[in-house]
Amino acid sequence: MPAPPPPWRRFVALGDSITEGLADFDADGHAIGWADRVAQHLATLCGEPIEYANLAVRGRTVHAIVTQQVPVAQAMQPDLVSIWGGGNDMLRSISDPDHLAAGIEQAVAAFRSAGVEVLLGSGIDTRGTPVVGLDRGKVALFTLLLADIAHRHGAHLIDVWNPHFLQDRRMWFDDRVHFSTDAHRRIADAALAALGLPVHDPHWAEPLPPAAPEPRSAAIRRNIAWARNHALPWVGRRLRNTDTGANRFCKQPKYRPVVPG
């Protein structure tokens, strides 16, 4: 007997660059991302168009998501909302996981009290990652707090801390901060699994086949290019107290229909 279709017809995605869809681009350079892919799969499972909006903006902190995006989403009266943030906060030395989680919980409680289904995104394991790996303990605590929030409020949690495939550098864009297209596809399946829905690829959680050994000279060139093209500009933005999302707006501020694919 086939599974019943999902009950959700209005999906709003909130967050930062992960949910905006960097660096999963289509042929025209437009960001797609895991949330767009989930919306498409939801429409296919429903067998009819659904309404979808994406309010996420790169660089946004938890405070910005909660104070700027959540009220807009509430006015849109969704029946499913995703909230994924904290990564930009963790890059700041003064970030407090308890304070960040409290902000997320405030939003989750408000949506759940209105009968909205909530999908959260966990922290990402930064094991072995230069610089940001120093904050691994804070990210782990934040992830535990999010899991507790999801449990207490009846929300769903996308687990991106435990999957081994994310420890493969091929799952990451050149900046080593954003997911690759393949990773976004897999995260979309992780989200569907968290919602208790059929996934697109049943092998989404499996590690990639072993990569060919990288010559030392190639690794050095790759690291130099990363430092020049990504690390140094990031330091410059921190010194200027700005971010990649300055003067940017969300890509999908109003509902658009997503038809079954």
Protein backbone atom coordinates (compact mmCIF):
# COMPACT_ATOMS: atom_id res chain seq x y z
CA MET A 1 0.00 0.00 0.00
CA PRO A 2 1.55 3.36 -1.02
CA ALA A 3 2.38 5.86 1.68
CA PRO A 4 -0.10 8.73 2.10
CA PRO A 5 1.01 12.07 0.61
CA PRO A 6 2.61 14.63 2.92
CA PRO A 7 0.09 16.92 4.63
CA TRP A 8 2.02 20.13 3.90
CA ARG A 9 1.15 22.50 1.07
CA ARG A 10 2.89 25.73 2.19
CA PHE A 11 6.61 25.47 2.94
CA VAL A 12 8.76 28.43 4.04
CA ALA A 13 12.54 28.05 4.46
CA LEU A 14 14.47 30.34 6.83
CA GLY A 15 18.18 30.67 7.46
CA ASP A 16 21.52 31.67 6.00
CA SER A 17 23.61 30.64 3.00
CA ILE A 18 23.03 26.92 3.57
CA THR A 19 19.30 27.34 3.00
CA GLU A 20 19.75 30.03 0.34
CA GLY A 21 21.52 27.30 -1.59
CA LEU A 22 25.17 28.31 -1.85
CA ALA A 23 27.10 26.79 -3.65
CA ASP A 24 24.57 24.67 -5.54
CA PHE A 25 24.05 26.67 -8.73
CA ASP A 26 22.04 26.03 -11.86
CA ALA A 27 23.29 26.71 -15.39
CA ASP A 28 22.41 30.41 -15.04
CA GLY A 29 24.26 30.80 -11.75
CA HIS A 30 21.14 30.89 -9.57
CA ALA A 31 21.34 29.15 -6.20
CA ILE A 32 19.23 26.01 -5.83
CA GLY A 33 20.07 24.26 -2.56
CA TRP A 34 18.62 21.57 -0.34
CA ALA A 35 15.42 23.50 0.52
CA ASP A 36 14.45 24.02 -3.13
CA ARG A 37 15.05 20.32 -3.69
CA VAL A 38 12.87 19.39 -0.71
CA ALA A 39 10.09 21.62 -2.04
CA GLN A 40 10.27 19.89 -5.40
CA HIS A 41 10.16 16.47 -3.79
CA LEU A 42 7.24 17.47 -1.57
CA ALA A 43 5.24 18.53 -4.63
CA THR A 44 6.03 15.23 -6.32
CA LEU A 45 4.97 13.23 -3.27
CA CYS A 46 1.80 15.31 -2.95
CA GLY A 47 0.96 14.81 -6.60
CA GLU A 48 -0.09 18.46 -6.87
CA PRO A 49 1.53 21.91 -6.71
CA ILE A 50 2.65 23.26 -3.33
CA GLU A 51 3.54 26.83 -2.35
CA TYR A 52 7.15 27.53 -1.44
CA ALA A 53 9.07 30.58 -0.23
CA ASN A 54 12.73 30.92 0.74
CA LEU A 55 13.59 33.85 3.03
CA ALA A 56 17.18 32.76 3.75
CA VAL A 57 20.02 35.21 3.13
CA ARG A 58 23.73 34.44 3.22
CA GLY A 59 25.62 35.78 6.23
CA ARG A 60 22.60 36.00 8.49
CA THR A 61 23.01 35.28 12.21
CA VAL A 62 20.49 33.55 14.46
CA HIS A 63 19.39 36.95 15.77
CA ALA A 64 18.71 38.20 12.24
CA ILE A 65 16.84 35.02 11.31
CA VAL A 66 14.65 35.20 14.42
CA THR A 67 13.94 38.93 14.31
CA GLN A 68 13.75 39.50 10.54
CA GLN A 69 12.70 36.26 8.87
CA VAL A 70 10.48 34.58 11.46
CA PRO A 71 7.86 37.38 11.66
CA VAL A 72 7.57 37.44 7.86
CA ALA A 73 7.17 33.66 7.77
CA GLN A 74 4.50 33.76 10.48
CA ALA A 75 2.46 36.22 8.42
CA MET A 76 2.64 33.80 5.46
CA GLN A 77 0.83 31.12 7.50
CA PRO A 78 2.89 28.11 6.39
CA ASP A 79 2.15 24.57 7.50
CA LEU A 80 5.85 23.60 7.27
CA VAL A 81 8.83 25.82 8.10
CA SER A 82 12.55 25.09 8.22
CA ILE A 83 14.96 27.03 10.44
CA TRP A 84 18.68 26.55 9.96
CA GLY A 85 21.21 28.98 11.39
CA GLY A 86 24.12 29.40 13.76
CA GLY A 87 27.03 28.81 11.41
CA ASN A 88 27.79 32.51 11.00
CA ASP A 89 27.51 32.99 14.76
CA MET A 90 30.00 30.21 15.41
CA LEU A 91 32.59 32.04 13.31
CA ARG A 92 32.51 34.82 15.90
CA SER A 93 34.61 34.25 19.02
CA ILE A 94 31.97 35.68 21.37
CA SER A 95 29.16 33.36 20.28
CA ASP A 96 27.29 31.55 23.06
CA PRO A 97 25.57 28.24 22.09
CA ASP A 98 23.04 28.55 24.93
CA HIS A 99 22.01 32.04 23.83
CA LEU A 100 21.75 30.97 20.18
CA ALA A 101 19.66 27.94 21.07
CA ALA A 102 17.34 30.09 23.18
CA GLY A 103 16.66 32.26 20.14
CA ILE A 104 15.93 29.24 17.99
CA GLU A 105 13.66 27.78 20.66
CA GLN A 106 11.65 30.97 20.85
CA ALA A 107 10.90 30.70 17.13
CA VAL A 108 10.19 26.96 17.29
CA ALA A 109 7.75 27.42 20.19
CA ALA A 110 5.90 30.17 18.35
CA PHE A 111 5.48 28.10 15.19
CA ARG A 112 4.52 24.93 17.05
CA SER A 113 1.91 26.77 19.11
CA ALA A 114 0.33 27.83 15.79
CA GLY A 115 0.28 24.23 14.58
CA VAL A 116 3.17 24.65 12.12
CA GLU A 117 5.50 21.70 11.53
CA VAL A 118 9.13 22.71 12.15
CA LEU A 119 12.31 21.33 10.58
CA LEU A 120 15.62 22.33 12.18
CA GLY A 121 19.16 21.94 10.88
CA SER A 122 21.91 20.74 13.22
CA GLY A 123 25.45 22.03 13.52
CA ILE A 124 28.08 20.64 11.18
CA ASP A 125 31.02 18.65 12.53
CA THR A 126 34.11 20.79 11.84
CA ARG A 127 36.53 17.99 12.69
CA GLY A 128 39.82 18.44 10.84
CA THR A 129 38.77 21.79 9.36
CA PRO A 130 41.34 24.62 9.50
CA VAL A 131 40.44 27.53 11.80
CA VAL A 132 36.71 26.77 12.21
CA GLY A 133 37.62 23.37 13.65
CA LEU A 134 38.73 25.20 16.78
CA ASP A 135 35.05 25.82 17.56
CA ARG A 136 34.06 22.15 17.28
CA GLY A 137 33.13 21.94 20.96
CA LYS A 138 30.77 24.91 20.72
CA VAL A 139 29.14 23.51 17.59
CA ALA A 140 28.69 20.12 19.29
CA LEU A 141 26.99 21.76 22.29
CA PHE A 142 24.76 23.81 19.97
CA THR A 143 23.76 20.63 18.12
CA LEU A 144 22.86 18.88 21.39
CA LEU A 145 20.74 21.84 22.42
CA LEU A 146 18.95 21.82 19.05
CA ALA A 147 18.25 18.10 19.39
CA ASP A 148 16.72 18.75 22.81
CA ILE A 149 14.60 21.59 21.43
CA ALA A 150 13.34 19.39 18.62
CA HIS A 151 12.49 16.60 21.07
CA ARG A 152 10.64 18.83 23.53
CA HIS A 153 8.63 20.72 20.92
CA GLY A 154 7.86 17.87 18.55
CA ALA A 155 10.01 19.31 15.77
CA HIS A 156 12.25 17.47 13.29
CA LEU A 157 16.06 17.72 13.09
CA ILE A 158 18.25 17.35 10.01
CA ASP A 159 21.35 15.60 11.32
CA VAL A 160 24.45 16.84 9.52
CA TRP A 161 26.77 16.21 12.47
CA ASN A 162 27.00 12.43 12.17
CA PRO A 163 27.00 11.59 8.43
CA HIS A 164 30.47 10.45 7.42
CA PHE A 165 30.09 11.62 3.83
CA LEU A 166 30.41 15.23 4.96
CA GLN A 167 33.97 14.50 6.11
CA ASP A 168 34.89 14.09 2.44
CA ARG A 169 36.24 17.33 0.94
CA ARG A 170 34.43 16.52 -2.32
CA MET A 171 31.20 17.34 -0.47
CA TRP A 172 32.35 20.95 -0.08
CA PHE A 173 32.72 23.95 -2.35
CA ASP A 174 36.15 25.51 -2.87
CA ASP A 175 35.60 27.88 0.06
CA ARG A 176 35.34 24.88 2.44
CA VAL A 177 32.31 26.49 4.08
CA HIS A 178 29.42 25.74 1.71
CA PHE A 179 28.03 22.43 0.52
CA SER A 180 28.67 21.19 -2.99
CA THR A 181 25.77 20.34 -5.30
CA ASP A 182 26.09 16.65 -4.40
CA ALA A 183 26.00 17.53 -0.70
CA HIS A 184 22.87 19.66 -1.16
CA ARG A 185 21.18 16.70 -2.86
CA ARG A 186 22.10 14.47 0.06
CA ILE A 187 21.03 17.04 2.65
CA ALA A 188 17.66 17.28 0.91
CA ASP A 189 17.27 13.52 1.41
CA ALA A 190 18.38 13.90 5.04
CA ALA A 191 15.60 16.47 5.47
CA LEU A 192 13.03 14.19 3.87
CA ALA A 193 14.15 11.34 6.13
CA ALA A 194 13.86 13.62 9.18
CA LEU A 195 10.27 14.38 8.13
CA GLY A 196 9.55 10.66 7.80
CA LEU A 197 9.11 10.87 4.02
CA PRO A 198 10.45 8.70 1.19
CA VAL A 199 13.84 9.91 0.00
CA HIS A 200 14.99 10.49 -3.56
CA ASP A 201 18.19 8.44 -3.24
CA PRO A 202 18.14 5.54 -0.76
CA HIS A 203 21.96 5.60 -0.70
CA TRP A 204 22.20 9.26 0.28
CA ALA A 205 24.02 8.59 3.57
CA GLU A 206 26.71 6.32 2.10
CA PRO A 207 30.29 7.62 1.87
CA LEU A 208 31.76 8.37 -1.53
CA PRO A 209 34.17 5.88 -3.09
CA PRO A 210 37.77 6.54 -2.00
CA ALA A 211 39.38 9.45 -3.83
CA ALA A 212 42.64 9.06 -5.70
CA PRO A 213 45.64 10.22 -3.64
CA GLU A 214 46.33 13.93 -4.12
CA PRO A 215 49.96 14.84 -4.90
CA ARG A 216 51.51 17.04 -2.25
CA SER A 217 52.19 19.81 -4.76
CA ALA A 218 48.53 19.86 -5.82
CA ALA A 219 47.39 20.04 -2.18
CA ILE A 220 49.73 22.98 -1.55
CA ARG A 221 48.39 24.83 -4.60
CA ARG A 222 44.82 24.13 -3.52
CA ASN A 223 45.47 25.45 0.00
CA ILE A 224 47.16 28.58 -1.31
CA ALA A 225 44.23 29.25 -3.64
CA TRP A 226 41.80 28.77 -0.74
CA ALA A 227 43.72 31.22 1.45
CA ARG A 228 43.92 33.82 -1.32
CA ASN A 229 40.38 33.52 -2.68
CA HIS A 230 38.39 32.76 0.46
CA ALA A 231 40.23 32.96 3.80
CA LEU A 232 41.80 36.40 3.33
CA PRO A 233 38.59 38.02 2.00
CA TRP A 234 36.74 36.56 5.00
CA VAL A 235 39.28 38.12 7.38
CA GLY A 236 38.85 41.42 5.56
CA ARG A 237 35.07 41.30 6.02
CA ARG A 238 35.48 40.59 9.72
CA LEU A 239 37.82 43.57 10.10
CA ARG A 240 35.30 45.79 8.28
CA ASN A 241 32.46 44.32 10.37
CA THR A 242 30.51 43.27 7.28
CA ASP A 243 29.47 39.99 5.68
CA THR A 244 28.59 38.44 2.33
CA GLY A 245 24.91 39.16 2.88
CA ALA A 246 25.26 42.93 3.21
CA ASN A 247 22.63 44.70 1.08
CA ARG A 248 21.23 41.39 -0.13
CA PHE A 249 17.63 40.23 -0.13
CA CYS A 250 16.15 36.75 -0.02
CA LYS A 251 15.71 34.94 -3.33
CA GLN A 252 12.04 33.96 -2.87
CA PRO A 253 10.19 36.42 -0.60
CA LYS A 254 6.72 35.33 -1.70
CA TYR A 255 5.15 31.97 -2.32
CA ARG A 256 5.70 30.46 -5.74
CA PRO A 257 4.03 27.30 -6.97
CA VAL A 258 6.22 24.20 -7.21
CA VAL A 259 4.69 21.59 -9.49
CA PRO A 260 5.34 17.83 -9.30
CA GLY A 261 8.49 16.85 -11.15
